């Protein structure tokens, strides 16, 4: 899985523990879900994260994400992602993808 280095310009908001945005642990850093974007701090700016690979999430045979599943939802392009632990899951056919 690779990510692009796409700088989110004019980002005046500082993300952190109490910033009000959902935080998701990603590799060696924290991503913040902000207005349909995924940001992470990189030196003196924030980068946009795009994942260019199709990554299946772990088995969900015992859990179905939906309106009452108990997980926080985040609008992402044309679908909804579900925050599940330190992961973002999106329905894709008969499984969930990591986003």
N, C-alpha and C. Protein backbone atom coordinates (compact mmCIF):
# COMPACT_ATOMS: atom_id res chain seq x y z
N UNK A 1 0.85 -1.16 0.00
CA UNK A 1 0.00 0.00 0.00
C UNK A 1 0.90 1.23 0.00
N UNK A 2 0.61 2.17 -0.88
CA UNK A 2 1.39 3.40 -0.93
C UNK A 2 0.47 4.59 -0.73
N UNK A 3 1.06 5.67 -0.31
CA UNK A 3 0.30 6.90 -0.15
C UNK A 3 0.98 8.00 -0.93
N UNK A 4 0.22 8.99 -1.33
CA UNK A 4 0.79 10.12 -2.04
C UNK A 4 1.21 11.17 -1.04
N UNK A 5 2.07 12.08 -1.48
CA UNK A 5 2.47 13.21 -0.66
C UNK A 5 1.80 14.43 -1.27
N UNK A 6 0.55 14.63 -0.91
CA UNK A 6 -0.27 15.71 -1.43
C UNK A 6 -0.53 16.68 -0.28
N UNK A 7 0.09 17.85 -0.33
CA UNK A 7 -0.01 18.82 0.75
C UNK A 7 -1.39 19.44 0.78
N UNK A 8 -1.99 19.50 1.97
CA UNK A 8 -3.26 20.19 2.17
C UNK A 8 -2.93 21.64 2.47
N UNK A 9 -3.07 22.50 1.46
CA UNK A 9 -2.69 23.90 1.59
C UNK A 9 -3.69 24.67 2.45
N UNK A 10 -3.23 25.77 3.01
CA UNK A 10 -4.07 26.69 3.78
C UNK A 10 -4.81 26.00 4.92
N UNK A 11 -4.15 25.11 5.60
CA UNK A 11 -4.76 24.40 6.73
C UNK A 11 -4.41 25.15 8.00
N UNK A 12 -5.32 25.99 8.48
CA UNK A 12 -5.04 26.81 9.66
C UNK A 12 -5.39 26.11 10.96
N UNK A 13 -6.17 25.04 10.90
CA UNK A 13 -6.59 24.29 12.08
C UNK A 13 -5.46 23.38 12.55
N UNK A 14 -5.24 23.30 13.85
CA UNK A 14 -4.23 22.40 14.40
C UNK A 14 -4.93 21.18 14.97
N UNK A 15 -4.61 20.01 14.44
CA UNK A 15 -5.20 18.76 14.92
C UNK A 15 -4.50 18.31 16.20
N UNK A 16 -5.27 17.65 17.06
CA UNK A 16 -4.72 17.14 18.31
C UNK A 16 -5.80 16.43 19.09
N UNK A 17 -5.49 16.05 20.31
CA UNK A 17 -6.39 15.25 21.14
C UNK A 17 -7.77 15.87 21.31
N UNK A 18 -7.87 17.18 21.39
CA UNK A 18 -9.14 17.85 21.65
C UNK A 18 -9.62 18.71 20.49
N UNK A 19 -9.22 18.39 19.26
CA UNK A 19 -9.56 19.26 18.13
C UNK A 19 -10.98 19.02 17.61
N UNK A 20 -11.62 17.93 18.03
CA UNK A 20 -12.99 17.67 17.59
C UNK A 20 -13.11 16.78 16.38
N UNK A 21 -12.01 16.39 15.77
CA UNK A 21 -12.05 15.50 14.60
C UNK A 21 -11.70 14.07 15.01
N UNK A 22 -12.30 13.12 14.31
CA UNK A 22 -12.00 11.72 14.58
C UNK A 22 -10.54 11.46 14.25
N UNK A 23 -9.86 10.73 15.12
CA UNK A 23 -8.46 10.39 14.93
C UNK A 23 -8.34 8.89 14.75
N UNK A 24 -7.53 8.49 13.78
CA UNK A 24 -7.32 7.08 13.48
C UNK A 24 -5.83 6.82 13.41
N UNK A 25 -5.37 5.84 14.18
CA UNK A 25 -3.95 5.47 14.15
C UNK A 25 -3.66 4.84 12.80
N UNK A 26 -2.58 5.27 12.12
CA UNK A 26 -2.21 4.76 10.80
C UNK A 26 -0.70 4.62 10.74
N UNK A 27 -0.23 3.38 10.69
CA UNK A 27 1.21 3.09 10.68
C UNK A 27 1.87 3.80 11.87
N UNK A 28 2.78 4.74 11.62
CA UNK A 28 3.53 5.37 12.70
C UNK A 28 3.04 6.77 13.04
N UNK A 29 1.80 7.10 12.64
CA UNK A 29 1.27 8.44 12.89
C UNK A 29 -0.25 8.37 13.08
N UNK A 30 -0.85 9.52 13.32
CA UNK A 30 -2.30 9.61 13.49
C UNK A 30 -2.89 10.40 12.34
N UNK A 31 -3.92 9.85 11.71
CA UNK A 31 -4.68 10.56 10.68
C UNK A 31 -5.89 11.21 11.34
N UNK A 32 -6.27 12.37 10.86
CA UNK A 32 -7.46 13.06 11.34
C UNK A 32 -8.45 13.18 10.20
N UNK A 33 -9.70 12.82 10.47
CA UNK A 33 -10.75 12.88 9.48
C UNK A 33 -11.39 14.26 9.56
N UNK A 34 -11.25 15.04 8.50
CA UNK A 34 -11.60 16.46 8.53
C UNK A 34 -12.30 16.84 7.24
N UNK A 35 -13.61 17.09 7.33
CA UNK A 35 -14.39 17.58 6.19
C UNK A 35 -14.22 16.71 4.95
N UNK A 36 -14.31 15.41 5.10
CA UNK A 36 -14.19 14.49 3.98
C UNK A 36 -12.78 14.20 3.53
N UNK A 37 -11.80 14.68 4.28
CA UNK A 37 -10.40 14.46 3.96
C UNK A 37 -9.73 13.67 5.08
N UNK A 38 -8.61 13.06 4.77
CA UNK A 38 -7.79 12.40 5.77
C UNK A 38 -6.47 13.14 5.81
N UNK A 39 -6.15 13.76 6.95
CA UNK A 39 -4.95 14.56 7.11
C UNK A 39 -4.00 13.93 8.11
N UNK A 40 -2.71 14.13 7.87
CA UNK A 40 -1.74 13.84 8.93
C UNK A 40 -0.64 14.88 8.87
N UNK A 41 -0.12 15.21 10.05
CA UNK A 41 0.90 16.25 10.13
C UNK A 41 2.22 15.71 9.60
N UNK A 42 2.86 16.54 8.77
CA UNK A 42 4.15 16.19 8.19
C UNK A 42 5.02 17.45 8.22
N UNK A 43 6.00 17.46 9.09
CA UNK A 43 6.85 18.62 9.30
C UNK A 43 5.98 19.83 9.65
N UNK A 44 5.97 20.89 8.84
CA UNK A 44 5.23 22.11 9.18
C UNK A 44 3.90 22.25 8.43
N UNK A 45 3.38 21.13 7.91
CA UNK A 45 2.13 21.18 7.15
C UNK A 45 1.37 19.87 7.33
N UNK A 46 0.17 19.79 6.74
CA UNK A 46 -0.62 18.56 6.75
C UNK A 46 -0.65 17.98 5.36
N UNK A 47 -0.57 16.65 5.28
CA UNK A 47 -0.68 15.94 4.01
C UNK A 47 -2.06 15.33 3.89
N UNK A 48 -2.55 15.23 2.67
CA UNK A 48 -3.75 14.46 2.36
C UNK A 48 -3.30 13.02 2.18
N UNK A 49 -4.09 12.08 2.68
CA UNK A 49 -3.78 10.67 2.48
C UNK A 49 -4.72 10.08 1.45
N UNK A 50 -4.16 9.48 0.46
CA UNK A 50 -4.91 8.69 -0.52
C UNK A 50 -4.29 7.31 -0.54
N UNK A 51 -5.12 6.32 -0.45
CA UNK A 51 -4.63 4.95 -0.54
C UNK A 51 -4.95 4.45 -1.94
N UNK A 52 -3.95 3.99 -2.67
CA UNK A 52 -4.17 3.56 -4.04
C UNK A 52 -4.19 2.04 -4.19
N UNK A 53 -4.53 1.36 -3.13
CA UNK A 53 -4.60 -0.09 -3.18
C UNK A 53 -5.94 -0.55 -2.62
N UNK A 54 -6.40 -1.71 -3.06
CA UNK A 54 -7.63 -2.32 -2.54
C UNK A 54 -7.19 -3.27 -1.42
N UNK A 55 -7.52 -2.91 -0.19
CA UNK A 55 -7.10 -3.70 0.96
C UNK A 55 -8.33 -4.19 1.71
N UNK A 56 -8.52 -5.51 1.72
CA UNK A 56 -9.64 -6.09 2.46
C UNK A 56 -9.41 -5.93 3.96
N UNK A 57 -10.48 -5.57 4.69
CA UNK A 57 -10.42 -5.52 6.14
C UNK A 57 -10.52 -6.94 6.68
N UNK A 58 -10.29 -7.08 7.99
CA UNK A 58 -10.39 -8.39 8.62
C UNK A 58 -11.82 -8.95 8.48
N UNK A 59 -11.97 -10.21 8.75
CA UNK A 59 -13.26 -10.89 8.64
C UNK A 59 -14.32 -10.20 9.50
N UNK A 60 -15.48 -9.97 8.91
CA UNK A 60 -16.59 -9.34 9.61
C UNK A 60 -17.80 -10.27 9.67
N UNK A 61 -17.60 -11.55 9.70
CA UNK A 61 -18.72 -12.48 9.69
C UNK A 61 -19.58 -12.35 10.95
N UNK A 62 -19.02 -11.78 12.01
CA UNK A 62 -19.78 -11.64 13.26
C UNK A 62 -20.26 -10.22 13.51
N UNK A 63 -20.04 -9.31 12.54
CA UNK A 63 -20.44 -7.91 12.74
C UNK A 63 -20.76 -7.27 11.39
N UNK A 64 -21.88 -6.57 11.33
CA UNK A 64 -22.26 -5.83 10.13
C UNK A 64 -22.35 -4.35 10.49
N UNK A 65 -21.61 -3.52 9.77
CA UNK A 65 -21.68 -2.08 10.00
C UNK A 65 -23.00 -1.54 9.45
N UNK A 66 -23.57 -0.58 10.16
CA UNK A 66 -24.82 0.03 9.74
C UNK A 66 -25.22 1.13 10.70
N UNK A 67 -26.45 1.62 10.54
CA UNK A 67 -26.94 2.76 11.33
C UNK A 67 -26.82 2.57 12.84
N UNK A 68 -27.01 1.36 13.33
CA UNK A 68 -27.01 1.12 14.78
C UNK A 68 -25.88 0.19 15.24
N UNK A 69 -24.77 0.17 14.52
CA UNK A 69 -23.70 -0.77 14.87
C UNK A 69 -22.82 -0.27 16.01
N UNK A 70 -22.93 1.02 16.35
CA UNK A 70 -22.15 1.55 17.45
C UNK A 70 -20.83 2.18 17.05
N UNK A 71 -20.48 2.15 15.77
CA UNK A 71 -19.23 2.76 15.32
C UNK A 71 -19.49 4.15 14.74
N UNK A 72 -18.54 5.05 14.94
CA UNK A 72 -18.62 6.40 14.38
C UNK A 72 -18.56 6.31 12.87
N UNK A 73 -19.38 7.13 12.19
CA UNK A 73 -19.39 7.15 10.73
C UNK A 73 -18.76 8.44 10.23
N UNK A 74 -18.13 8.36 9.06
CA UNK A 74 -17.51 9.51 8.43
C UNK A 74 -17.85 9.45 6.94
N UNK A 75 -18.43 10.53 6.42
CA UNK A 75 -18.70 10.59 4.98
C UNK A 75 -17.37 10.61 4.24
N UNK A 76 -17.23 9.77 3.21
CA UNK A 76 -15.99 9.68 2.44
C UNK A 76 -16.36 9.52 0.98
N UNK A 77 -16.18 10.59 0.21
CA UNK A 77 -16.58 10.61 -1.20
C UNK A 77 -18.05 10.22 -1.32
N UNK A 78 -18.34 9.12 -2.02
CA UNK A 78 -19.73 8.72 -2.28
C UNK A 78 -20.24 7.63 -1.34
N UNK A 79 -19.54 7.41 -0.23
CA UNK A 79 -19.94 6.36 0.70
C UNK A 79 -19.63 6.78 2.14
N UNK A 80 -19.94 5.90 3.07
CA UNK A 80 -19.67 6.14 4.49
C UNK A 80 -18.63 5.15 4.97
N UNK A 81 -17.63 5.65 5.68
CA UNK A 81 -16.65 4.80 6.35
C UNK A 81 -17.07 4.65 7.80
N UNK A 82 -16.75 3.49 8.38
CA UNK A 82 -17.03 3.23 9.79
C UNK A 82 -15.70 3.14 10.53
N UNK A 83 -15.57 3.92 11.62
CA UNK A 83 -14.36 3.84 12.44
C UNK A 83 -14.47 2.63 13.32
N UNK A 84 -13.58 1.69 13.15
CA UNK A 84 -13.62 0.41 13.83
C UNK A 84 -12.25 0.19 14.46
N UNK A 85 -12.15 0.45 15.75
CA UNK A 85 -10.85 0.38 16.41
C UNK A 85 -9.96 1.46 15.82
N UNK A 86 -8.82 1.07 15.31
CA UNK A 86 -7.91 2.02 14.67
C UNK A 86 -8.02 1.95 13.15
N UNK A 87 -9.15 1.48 12.65
CA UNK A 87 -9.33 1.29 11.22
C UNK A 87 -10.54 2.06 10.72
N UNK A 88 -10.56 2.34 9.42
CA UNK A 88 -11.73 2.88 8.75
C UNK A 88 -12.19 1.82 7.76
N UNK A 89 -13.42 1.36 7.89
CA UNK A 89 -13.95 0.32 7.04
C UNK A 89 -15.03 0.87 6.13
N UNK A 90 -15.06 0.39 4.89
CA UNK A 90 -16.10 0.76 3.93
C UNK A 90 -16.63 -0.52 3.30
N UNK A 91 -17.95 -0.61 3.19
CA UNK A 91 -18.57 -1.78 2.56
C UNK A 91 -18.15 -1.85 1.10
N UNK A 92 -17.81 -3.07 0.65
CA UNK A 92 -17.43 -3.29 -0.75
C UNK A 92 -17.83 -4.72 -1.11
N UNK A 93 -18.95 -4.83 -1.82
CA UNK A 93 -19.45 -6.16 -2.17
C UNK A 93 -19.80 -6.93 -0.92
N UNK A 94 -19.23 -8.12 -0.76
CA UNK A 94 -19.54 -8.98 0.38
C UNK A 94 -18.51 -8.87 1.50
N UNK A 95 -17.69 -7.80 1.49
CA UNK A 95 -16.67 -7.62 2.52
C UNK A 95 -16.49 -6.13 2.80
N UNK A 96 -15.59 -5.79 3.70
CA UNK A 96 -15.24 -4.41 4.00
C UNK A 96 -13.81 -4.15 3.57
N UNK A 97 -13.57 -2.92 3.09
CA UNK A 97 -12.21 -2.50 2.72
C UNK A 97 -11.64 -1.62 3.82
N UNK A 98 -10.32 -1.65 3.96
CA UNK A 98 -9.60 -0.70 4.79
C UNK A 98 -9.48 0.58 3.98
N UNK A 99 -9.79 1.71 4.61
CA UNK A 99 -9.64 3.00 3.91
C UNK A 99 -8.66 3.87 4.65
